[in-house]
Amino acid sequence: MSVVDLIERKRNGGALTPAEWRDLMARYGAGDVPDYQLSALAMAVYFRGMDDAEIEALTTAMLESGRTLDLAGIAAPRVDKHSTGGVGDKVSIPLAPMVAACGVAVPMMSGRGLGHTGGTLDKLESIPGFRTRLTLEETAAQVARLGCALIGQTAEIAPADRRLYALRDATATVEAIPLISASIMSKKLAEGLTGLVLDVKTGAGAFMTRLEDAIRLARTMIALGERRGCRTVALLTDMDQPLGVACGNAVEIAESIAVLRGGGPADVREVTFALGAEMLVVAGVARDREEARAHLHRAVESGAALERFRAVVVAQGGDPRVCDAPEAVLPQAPIREIVRAERAGVVQRVEPRTIGRAIVALGGGRTRVEDGVDAAVGILVHVRPGQALAAGDPVATVLARDAAGAAEARTAFGRALVIGEGIPPMRSLVSHRITGQGVEELPGPVQR
């Protein structure tokens, strides 16, 4: 059947068979189906959705369009983490070496910026020389030697997804739950994992702005993992405002290193430790989350987590001095301007999506598949909801390449910052834990 017929069927609310998805993804991954036809199909999925059987079929088709990572020779449990994306979300960078320092093999496969959200690979590549494009053989050898690799999706793994991932970013189809689920899980299942922890963001800065959609996305991905023998757990974490202070590529590396040193913003530390604890429990290294947190704290306090990150940086061609003096190694924006509060009051909101889009406009993200990324630009957010301000107080720092970009970012932050009267409602930083057995609401460990 022709691709046009498949697009028409999905546009009209019909379903594609597993054989059709398999053939379509194999052809697309091989370059035999043009992007414009997959763009049309992705938009049809965005509006019409997919049933569970189709999501399963698409995941399998993308998984089988390439090779898988062979980690069978590694005795340690193999666990990864994936975030659905947010603004200021740099958690993967400190998390992977922390968990690896506790005896778990972590083949951390991440993505690039998508929509208004930042990408872990773009952040890592702000470290001079750091190479995220490892082959499967290089990745397996490094994980066996160091217990950790921080890599991008290779040309061999789910090539159909690799092309579709970039296409979704440029066609306003990122938020479709079936496409998110199949994209994430095809890559993760290709890693040969024994366990997976999902960080599903919810709130204004997430792709899933509504709680019920975030829960649905989590349960869809968990089912895909569990059916293939990969124990999968999800935490719902807040993305109603940026995570941490640093939003951008190089500045988020610096903040990640601060976390590995035992510092950094409290919200970044909390999300990192919450996800790390789940990873250690899924791996069987800790009996419960309390014991797991103790392991993680020891890894940080002893310096083992930072040294594991240093070893990964060296192994992947990066400059290890970044672990000691990030500001001397990472690219710096030539313009650094303070943004000040225009009036007194209490911070009601710091809207993350507006900030994410401002960073893209500065050059720190992509509007087209082929765009490069400026690692130096970004925004440092100095305020949180509930904070009292006087007129003229510093609320942000804009890092820009030129005066025009700085002015645009200042204006954008002015739109993102809402100042009013009274204390706004506080949201739980980690609100729910979801497994194949159900949904558990958690007491918020940190109010933001």
Protein backbone atom coordinates (compact mmCIF):
# COMPACT_ATOMS: atom_id res chain seq x y z
CA MET A 1 0.00 0.00 0.00
CA SER A 2 1.26 3.51 -0.79
CA VAL A 3 2.34 5.94 1.91
CA VAL A 4 -0.37 8.34 0.73
CA ASP A 5 -2.99 5.66 1.45
CA LEU A 6 -1.58 5.16 4.96
CA ILE A 7 -1.64 8.91 5.63
CA GLU A 8 -5.22 9.13 4.40
CA ARG A 9 -6.33 6.23 6.58
CA LYS A 10 -4.77 7.73 9.70
CA ARG A 11 -6.14 11.16 8.81
CA ASN A 12 -9.61 9.63 8.72
CA GLY A 13 -9.19 7.97 12.11
CA GLY A 14 -8.19 4.49 10.99
CA ALA A 15 -5.32 2.32 12.24
CA LEU A 16 -2.23 0.96 10.53
CA THR A 17 -1.40 -2.72 10.96
CA PRO A 18 1.85 -3.89 12.62
CA ALA A 19 3.13 -5.03 9.22
CA GLU A 20 2.41 -1.60 7.73
CA TRP A 21 4.21 0.21 10.56
CA ARG A 22 7.17 -2.16 10.24
CA ASP A 23 7.47 -1.64 6.50
CA LEU A 24 6.95 2.13 6.75
CA MET A 25 9.57 2.64 9.46
CA ALA A 26 12.10 0.40 7.71
CA ARG A 27 11.66 2.39 4.51
CA TYR A 28 11.78 5.73 6.32
CA GLY A 29 14.89 4.76 8.28
CA ALA A 30 16.54 3.78 5.00
CA GLY A 31 15.64 7.12 3.43
CA ASP A 32 13.11 5.71 0.98
CA VAL A 33 10.17 7.73 2.35
CA PRO A 34 10.46 11.54 2.26
CA ASP A 35 10.18 13.73 5.33
CA TYR A 36 7.14 15.56 4.00
CA GLN A 37 5.09 12.36 3.99
CA LEU A 38 6.13 11.46 7.55
CA SER A 39 5.33 15.04 8.57
CA ALA A 40 1.80 14.57 7.27
CA LEU A 41 1.47 11.23 9.05
CA ALA A 42 2.82 12.68 12.32
CA MET A 43 0.25 15.48 12.17
CA ALA A 44 -2.50 12.94 11.50
CA VAL A 45 -1.36 11.00 14.58
CA TYR A 46 -1.27 14.23 16.60
CA PHE A 47 -4.96 14.83 15.88
CA ARG A 48 -6.27 11.27 15.58
CA GLY A 49 -4.09 9.41 18.07
CA MET A 50 -3.17 5.72 18.06
CA ASP A 51 -4.59 2.76 19.94
CA ASP A 52 -2.43 0.60 22.22
CA ALA A 53 -1.79 -2.00 19.53
CA GLU A 54 -0.56 0.68 17.12
CA ILE A 55 1.74 2.22 19.74
CA GLU A 56 3.18 -1.22 20.43
CA ALA A 57 3.60 -1.82 16.69
CA LEU A 58 5.29 1.55 16.07
CA THR A 59 7.66 1.03 19.01
CA THR A 60 8.62 -2.43 17.74
CA ALA A 61 8.99 -1.15 14.18
CA MET A 62 11.35 1.65 15.21
CA LEU A 63 13.29 -0.69 17.51
CA GLU A 64 13.69 -3.25 14.74
CA SER A 65 14.73 -0.63 12.17
CA GLY A 66 18.26 -0.78 13.61
CA ARG A 67 20.64 -2.63 15.93
CA THR A 68 20.65 -2.98 19.72
CA LEU A 69 23.34 -2.37 22.33
CA ASP A 70 24.82 -5.65 23.57
CA LEU A 71 25.56 -5.35 27.31
CA ALA A 72 24.90 -8.99 28.11
CA GLY A 73 28.52 -9.46 29.21
CA ILE A 74 28.17 -6.90 32.01
CA ALA A 75 27.31 -8.51 35.33
CA ALA A 76 26.05 -5.32 36.97
CA PRO A 77 22.37 -4.36 36.65
CA ARG A 78 21.78 -2.08 33.65
CA VAL A 79 19.47 0.85 34.36
CA ASP A 80 18.83 4.09 32.52
CA LYS A 81 16.66 7.15 33.10
CA HIS A 82 14.74 9.29 30.67
CA SER A 83 13.12 12.69 31.06
CA THR A 84 10.27 13.86 28.85
CA GLY A 85 11.94 17.27 28.78
CA GLY A 86 11.72 20.65 30.42
CA VAL A 87 13.41 24.00 30.86
CA GLY A 88 16.55 23.89 33.00
CA ASP A 89 16.36 20.09 33.25
CA LYS A 90 19.99 19.04 33.51
CA VAL A 91 19.37 16.10 35.86
CA SER A 92 20.79 13.37 33.59
CA ILE A 93 24.26 14.89 33.76
CA PRO A 94 24.89 14.53 37.51
CA LEU A 95 22.55 11.54 37.88
CA ALA A 96 24.36 9.07 35.59
CA PRO A 97 27.78 9.24 37.31
CA MET A 98 26.16 9.26 40.76
CA VAL A 99 24.28 6.04 40.06
CA ALA A 100 27.27 4.46 38.31
CA ALA A 101 29.40 5.22 41.38
CA CYS A 102 26.92 3.07 43.35
CA GLY A 103 27.57 -0.02 41.23
CA VAL A 104 24.95 0.23 38.48
CA ALA A 105 25.78 0.20 34.77
CA VAL A 106 24.24 3.32 33.22
CA PRO A 107 24.25 3.54 29.39
CA MET A 108 22.68 7.02 29.46
CA MET A 109 21.31 7.69 26.00
CA SER A 110 19.93 11.21 25.65
CA GLY A 111 18.54 13.52 23.02
CA ARG A 112 18.97 17.01 21.65
CA GLY A 113 16.77 20.00 22.30
CA LEU A 114 13.15 19.44 21.30
CA GLY A 115 10.74 22.35 20.95
CA HIS A 116 11.20 24.79 23.82
CA THR A 117 13.12 22.26 25.94
CA GLY A 118 16.87 21.86 26.18
CA GLY A 119 18.76 18.73 25.14
CA THR A 120 21.29 16.82 27.25
CA LEU A 121 23.52 16.21 24.23
CA ASP A 122 23.68 19.91 23.38
CA LYS A 123 24.69 20.61 26.98
CA LEU A 124 27.39 17.93 27.05
CA GLU A 125 28.82 19.14 23.76
CA SER A 126 29.43 22.56 25.30
CA ILE A 127 32.38 20.84 27.06
CA PRO A 128 35.28 21.35 24.63
CA GLY A 129 36.03 18.11 22.79
CA PHE A 130 33.23 16.08 24.37
CA ARG A 131 32.04 13.44 21.93
CA THR A 132 28.49 12.10 22.27
CA ARG A 133 28.52 10.12 19.01
CA LEU A 134 29.94 6.78 20.10
CA THR A 135 29.41 3.55 18.21
CA LEU A 136 27.60 0.70 19.89
CA GLU A 137 30.90 -1.12 20.35
CA GLU A 138 32.56 1.95 21.91
CA THR A 139 29.58 2.43 24.21
CA ALA A 140 29.54 -1.18 25.39
CA ALA A 141 33.29 -1.12 26.07
CA GLN A 142 33.04 2.15 28.03
CA VAL A 143 30.10 0.97 30.12
CA ALA A 144 31.99 -2.23 30.92
CA ARG A 145 35.08 -0.22 31.93
CA LEU A 146 33.56 2.82 33.69
CA GLY A 147 29.98 1.78 34.41
CA CYS A 148 28.70 4.80 32.51
CA ALA A 149 28.46 6.44 29.10
CA LEU A 150 26.71 9.69 28.15
CA ILE A 151 25.78 9.26 24.52
CA GLY A 152 23.39 10.25 21.79
CA GLN A 153 21.28 7.96 19.69
CA THR A 154 23.72 6.27 17.32
CA ALA A 155 23.16 5.79 13.62
CA GLU A 156 22.61 2.09 14.34
CA ILE A 157 19.91 2.43 17.04
CA ALA A 158 16.33 2.99 15.84
CA PRO A 159 17.33 5.03 12.75
CA ALA A 160 13.68 5.59 11.89
CA ASP A 161 13.13 7.24 15.26
CA ARG A 162 16.29 9.33 14.90
CA ARG A 163 14.89 10.93 11.75
CA LEU A 164 11.36 11.25 13.10
CA TYR A 165 12.59 12.80 16.39
CA ALA A 166 14.20 15.69 14.52
CA LEU A 167 11.19 16.02 12.24
CA ARG A 168 8.72 16.30 15.13
CA ASP A 169 10.74 19.19 16.54
CA ALA A 170 10.27 21.15 13.32
CA THR A 171 6.61 20.28 12.63
CA ALA A 172 4.81 21.07 15.93
CA THR A 173 4.02 17.39 16.60
CA VAL A 174 6.22 16.91 19.68
CA GLU A 175 3.36 16.62 22.20
CA ALA A 176 1.61 13.56 20.70
CA ILE A 177 1.61 10.88 23.43
CA PRO A 178 1.86 7.92 20.99
CA LEU A 179 4.87 9.46 19.25
CA ILE A 180 6.58 10.41 22.53
CA SER A 181 6.04 6.92 23.94
CA ALA A 182 7.26 5.03 20.89
CA SER A 183 10.25 7.34 20.43
CA ILE A 184 11.46 7.06 24.01
CA MET A 185 10.84 3.36 24.48
CA SER A 186 12.26 2.24 21.12
CA LYS A 187 15.59 3.82 22.10
CA LYS A 188 15.55 2.62 25.69
CA LEU A 189 14.61 -0.95 24.83
CA ALA A 190 17.48 -0.98 22.31
CA GLU A 191 19.94 -0.47 25.21
CA GLY A 192 19.50 -3.95 26.65
CA LEU A 193 18.35 -2.59 30.02
CA THR A 194 17.21 -4.53 33.07
CA GLY A 195 15.44 -1.46 34.43
CA LEU A 196 14.29 2.03 33.45
CA VAL A 197 13.18 5.07 35.45
CA LEU A 198 11.11 7.74 33.70
CA ASP A 199 10.97 11.38 34.72
CA VAL A 200 7.64 12.55 33.32
CA LYS A 201 7.35 16.31 33.55
CA THR A 202 4.02 18.03 34.10
CA GLY A 203 3.07 21.69 34.19
CA ALA A 204 3.33 24.78 32.02
CA GLY A 205 6.85 24.03 30.79
CA ALA A 206 6.25 20.35 30.04
CA PHE A 207 4.90 18.76 26.88
CA MET A 208 2.23 17.27 29.15
CA THR A 209 0.74 20.35 30.81
CA ARG A 210 -2.15 18.43 32.41
CA LEU A 211 -1.67 15.88 35.19
CA GLU A 212 -3.99 13.34 33.58
CA ASP A 213 -2.02 13.45 30.33
CA ALA A 214 1.28 13.00 32.18
CA ILE A 215 -0.13 9.95 33.99
CA ARG A 216 -1.41 8.52 30.69
CA LEU A 217 1.99 9.01 29.05
CA ALA A 218 3.76 7.37 32.01
CA ARG A 219 1.44 4.36 32.03
CA THR A 220 1.79 3.92 28.26
CA MET A 221 5.59 3.82 28.49
CA ILE A 222 5.59 1.59 31.57
CA ALA A 223 3.41 -0.96 29.77
CA LEU A 224 5.79 -0.96 26.79
CA GLY A 225 8.77 -1.62 29.08
CA GLU A 226 7.17 -4.21 31.33
CA ARG A 227 5.92 -6.28 28.39
CA ARG A 228 9.56 -6.69 27.31
CA GLY A 229 10.88 -7.65 30.73
CA CYS A 230 12.34 -4.23 31.55
CA ARG A 231 11.21 -3.16 35.01
CA THR A 232 9.93 0.39 34.52
CA VAL A 233 8.98 3.04 37.08
CA ALA A 234 7.95 6.67 36.54
CA LEU A 235 8.03 9.75 38.74
CA LEU A 236 5.94 12.79 37.88
CA THR A 237 7.98 15.92 38.55
CA ASP A 238 7.01 19.56 38.39
CA MET A 239 7.79 21.69 35.35
CA ASP A 240 5.57 24.66 36.14
CA GLN A 241 8.72 26.74 36.39
CA PRO A 242 12.34 26.22 35.30
CA LEU A 243 14.32 23.60 37.21
CA GLY A 244 17.25 25.18 39.02
CA VAL A 245 18.80 28.54 38.19
CA ALA A 246 20.67 27.85 34.94
CA CYS A 247 18.77 27.60 31.65
CA GLY A 248 21.01 27.12 28.62
CA ASN A 249 23.71 24.67 27.59
CA ALA A 250 27.09 25.58 29.11
CA VAL A 251 25.54 27.13 32.21
CA GLU A 252 23.63 23.92 32.91
CA ILE A 253 26.86 21.94 32.76
CA ALA A 254 28.31 24.24 35.42
CA GLU A 255 25.22 23.75 37.59
CA SER A 256 25.42 19.97 37.13
CA ILE A 257 29.00 19.96 38.35
CA ALA A 258 27.92 21.98 41.38
CA VAL A 259 25.42 19.21 42.18
CA LEU A 260 28.14 16.56 41.87
CA ARG A 261 30.16 18.61 44.35
CA GLY A 262 27.28 18.54 46.85
CA GLY A 263 25.91 21.99 46.04
CA GLY A 264 23.65 23.39 43.37
CA PRO A 265 20.00 24.42 43.64
CA ALA A 266 17.85 22.47 46.10
CA ASP A 267 15.23 21.53 43.49
CA VAL A 268 17.83 20.07 41.10
CA ARG A 269 19.36 18.05 43.94
CA GLU A 270 15.96 16.75 45.05
CA VAL A 271 14.85 15.57 41.60
CA THR A 272 18.28 14.01 41.00
CA PHE A 273 18.22 12.09 44.28
CA ALA A 274 14.58 11.02 43.87
CA LEU A 275 15.27 9.54 40.43
CA GLY A 276 18.59 8.07 41.52
CA ALA A 277 16.94 6.33 44.46
CA GLU A 278 14.41 4.72 42.12
CA MET A 279 17.23 3.58 39.83
CA LEU A 280 19.11 1.90 42.69
CA VAL A 281 15.97 0.15 43.93
CA VAL A 282 15.06 -1.03 40.41
CA ALA A 283 18.64 -2.30 40.06
CA GLY A 284 18.41 -4.21 43.35
CA VAL A 285 21.39 -2.32 44.80
CA ALA A 286 19.23 -0.89 47.60
CA ARG A 287 16.26 -2.41 49.44
CA ASP A 288 14.26 0.80 49.57
CA ARG A 289 14.45 4.47 48.65
CA GLU A 290 15.84 5.53 52.02
CA GLU A 291 18.81 3.18 51.74
CA ALA A 292 19.27 4.21 48.11
CA ARG A 293 19.47 7.90 49.03
CA ALA A 294 22.15 7.08 51.61
CA HIS A 295 24.21 5.37 48.88
CA LEU A 296 23.86 8.40 46.61
CA HIS A 297 24.84 10.85 49.35
CA ARG A 298 27.97 8.83 50.07
CA ALA A 299 28.88 8.82 46.39
CA VAL A 300 28.69 12.62 46.32
CA GLU A 301 30.30 13.31 49.69
CA SER A 302 33.23 10.98 49.00
CA GLY A 303 33.89 12.61 45.62
CA ALA A 304 33.29 9.30 43.84
CA ALA A 305 30.43 10.70 41.73
CA LEU A 306 32.47 13.67 40.50
CA GLU A 307 35.45 11.45 39.72
CA ARG A 308 33.21 9.10 37.74
CA PHE A 309 32.01 12.08 35.71
CA ARG A 310 35.61 13.17 35.17
CA ALA A 311 36.49 9.70 33.88
CA VAL A 312 33.56 9.82 31.45
CA VAL A 313 34.59 13.28 30.20
CA VAL A 314 38.14 12.01 29.56
CA ALA A 315 36.91 8.81 27.88
CA GLN A 316 34.66 10.79 25.54
CA GLY A 317 37.31 13.31 24.54
CA GLY A 318 36.28 16.23 26.74
CA ASP A 319 38.43 18.61 28.77
CA PRO A 320 38.49 17.24 32.36
CA ARG A 321 39.35 20.67 33.76
CA VAL A 322 35.63 21.40 33.47
CA CYS A 323 35.19 19.40 36.70
CA ASP A 324 37.42 21.81 38.62
CA ALA A 325 36.85 25.20 36.99
CA PRO A 326 33.81 25.12 34.68
CA GLU A 327 33.86 28.86 34.06
CA ALA A 328 37.43 28.67 32.70
CA VAL A 329 36.63 25.87 30.24
CA LEU A 330 33.04 26.33 29.08
CA PRO A 331 32.10 28.91 26.42
CA GLN A 332 31.05 32.28 27.83
CA ALA A 333 28.54 34.69 26.31
CA PRO A 334 30.05 38.10 25.50
CA ILE A 335 27.02 39.95 26.90
CA ARG A 336 25.84 39.39 30.46
CA GLU A 337 23.01 41.66 31.64
CA ILE A 338 20.99 41.77 34.86
CA VAL A 339 17.20 41.96 34.57
CA ARG A 340 15.53 43.82 37.44
CA ALA A 341 12.01 43.79 38.86
CA GLU A 342 9.94 46.65 37.52
CA ARG A 343 7.77 46.82 40.64
CA ALA A 344 7.47 45.49 44.16
CA GLY A 345 5.34 42.47 44.98
CA VAL A 346 5.41 38.69 45.33
CA VAL A 347 6.47 36.37 42.52
CA GLN A 348 3.39 34.50 41.33
CA ARG A 349 4.84 32.65 38.36
CA VAL A 350 8.01 32.18 36.35
CA GLU A 351 6.64 30.82 33.09
CA PRO A 352 9.11 28.20 31.76
CA ARG A 353 7.89 27.82 28.19
CA THR A 354 8.44 31.53 27.50
CA ILE A 355 11.97 31.25 28.89
CA GLY A 356 12.68 28.13 26.82
CA ARG A 357 11.53 29.84 23.65
CA ALA A 358 13.65 32.89 24.50
CA ILE A 359 16.73 30.67 24.74
CA VAL A 360 15.91 29.15 21.35
CA ALA A 361 15.61 32.68 19.94
CA LEU A 362 19.02 33.52 21.43
CA GLY A 363 20.49 30.60 19.48
CA GLY A 364 20.57 28.10 22.33
CA GLY A 365 18.06 25.80 20.62
CA ARG A 366 16.70 24.92 17.18
CA THR A 367 13.88 26.16 15.02
CA ARG A 368 14.98 23.99 12.07
CA VAL A 369 16.43 20.47 11.99
CA GLU A 370 19.72 21.71 10.50
CA ASP A 371 20.25 24.59 12.98
CA GLY A 372 23.39 24.74 15.09
CA VAL A 373 23.30 25.61 18.79
CA ASP A 374 25.10 28.43 20.63
CA ALA A 375 26.31 26.79 23.85
CA ALA A 376 27.15 30.05 25.61
CA VAL A 377 23.77 31.79 25.64
CA GLY A 378 21.08 31.34 28.26
CA ILE A 379 19.14 32.81 31.14
CA LEU A 380 19.87 32.51 34.87
CA VAL A 381 16.63 32.65 36.87
CA HIS A 382 17.15 34.20 40.31
CA VAL A 383 13.57 34.14 41.66
CA ARG A 384 10.97 31.57 42.69
CA PRO A 385 7.19 31.76 43.25
CA GLY A 386 6.39 33.11 46.68
CA GLN A 387 9.50 35.29 46.84
CA ALA A 388 8.95 38.93 47.88
CA LEU A 389 10.57 41.54 45.66
CA ALA A 390 11.31 45.24 45.86
CA ALA A 391 11.38 47.32 42.71
CA GLY A 392 14.83 47.04 41.17
CA ASP A 393 15.72 43.68 42.69
CA PRO A 394 17.65 41.37 40.31
CA VAL A 395 15.36 38.67 38.92
CA ALA A 396 17.45 37.16 36.10
CA THR A 397 20.71 37.36 34.19
CA VAL A 398 20.61 37.24 30.41
CA LEU A 399 23.58 35.68 28.59
CA ALA A 400 23.58 36.76 24.95
CA ARG A 401 25.73 36.87 21.84
CA ASP A 402 24.76 40.45 20.91
CA ALA A 403 22.77 43.46 22.13
CA ALA A 404 19.71 42.62 20.04
CA GLY A 405 19.52 39.14 21.51
CA ALA A 406 19.94 40.48 25.03
CA ALA A 407 17.10 42.95 24.51
CA GLU A 408 14.80 40.25 23.15
CA ALA A 409 15.60 37.95 26.09
CA ARG A 410 14.97 40.75 28.61
CA THR A 411 11.57 41.37 27.06
CA ALA A 412 10.77 37.66 27.10
CA PHE A 413 11.69 37.32 30.75
CA GLY A 414 9.48 40.28 31.53
CA ARG A 415 6.59 38.33 30.04
CA ALA A 416 7.56 35.16 31.90
CA LEU A 417 7.74 36.81 35.33
CA VAL A 418 4.37 37.50 36.97
CA ILE A 419 4.46 39.69 40.10
CA GLY A 420 1.36 40.15 42.24
CA GLU A 421 0.12 40.09 45.81
CA GLY A 422 -0.10 37.18 48.24
CA ILE A 423 1.61 33.81 48.31
CA PRO A 424 0.72 31.61 45.32
CA PRO A 425 -0.13 27.92 45.79
CA MET A 426 2.99 25.77 46.03
CA ARG A 427 3.31 22.64 43.90
CA SER A 428 4.92 19.34 44.89
CA LEU A 429 8.27 18.91 43.19
CA VAL A 430 7.83 15.12 42.92
CA SER A 431 4.10 14.47 42.97
CA HIS A 432 3.42 10.86 41.90
CA ARG A 433 5.12 7.48 41.59
CA ILE A 434 3.73 5.20 38.90
CA THR A 435 4.39 1.50 38.34
CA GLY A 436 2.62 -1.31 36.54
CA GLN A 437 0.61 -1.78 39.73
CA GLY A 438 -0.84 1.72 39.85
CA VAL A 439 -0.42 5.39 40.71
CA GLU A 440 0.81 6.56 44.12
CA GLU A 441 0.51 10.19 45.16
CA LEU A 442 3.60 11.31 47.07
CA PRO A 443 3.95 13.87 49.82
CA GLY A 444 5.90 16.74 48.27
CA PRO A 445 9.49 16.55 49.57
CA VAL A 446 10.19 20.10 48.42
CA GLN A 447 7.78 22.96 47.88
CA ARG A 448 9.07 25.39 45.31
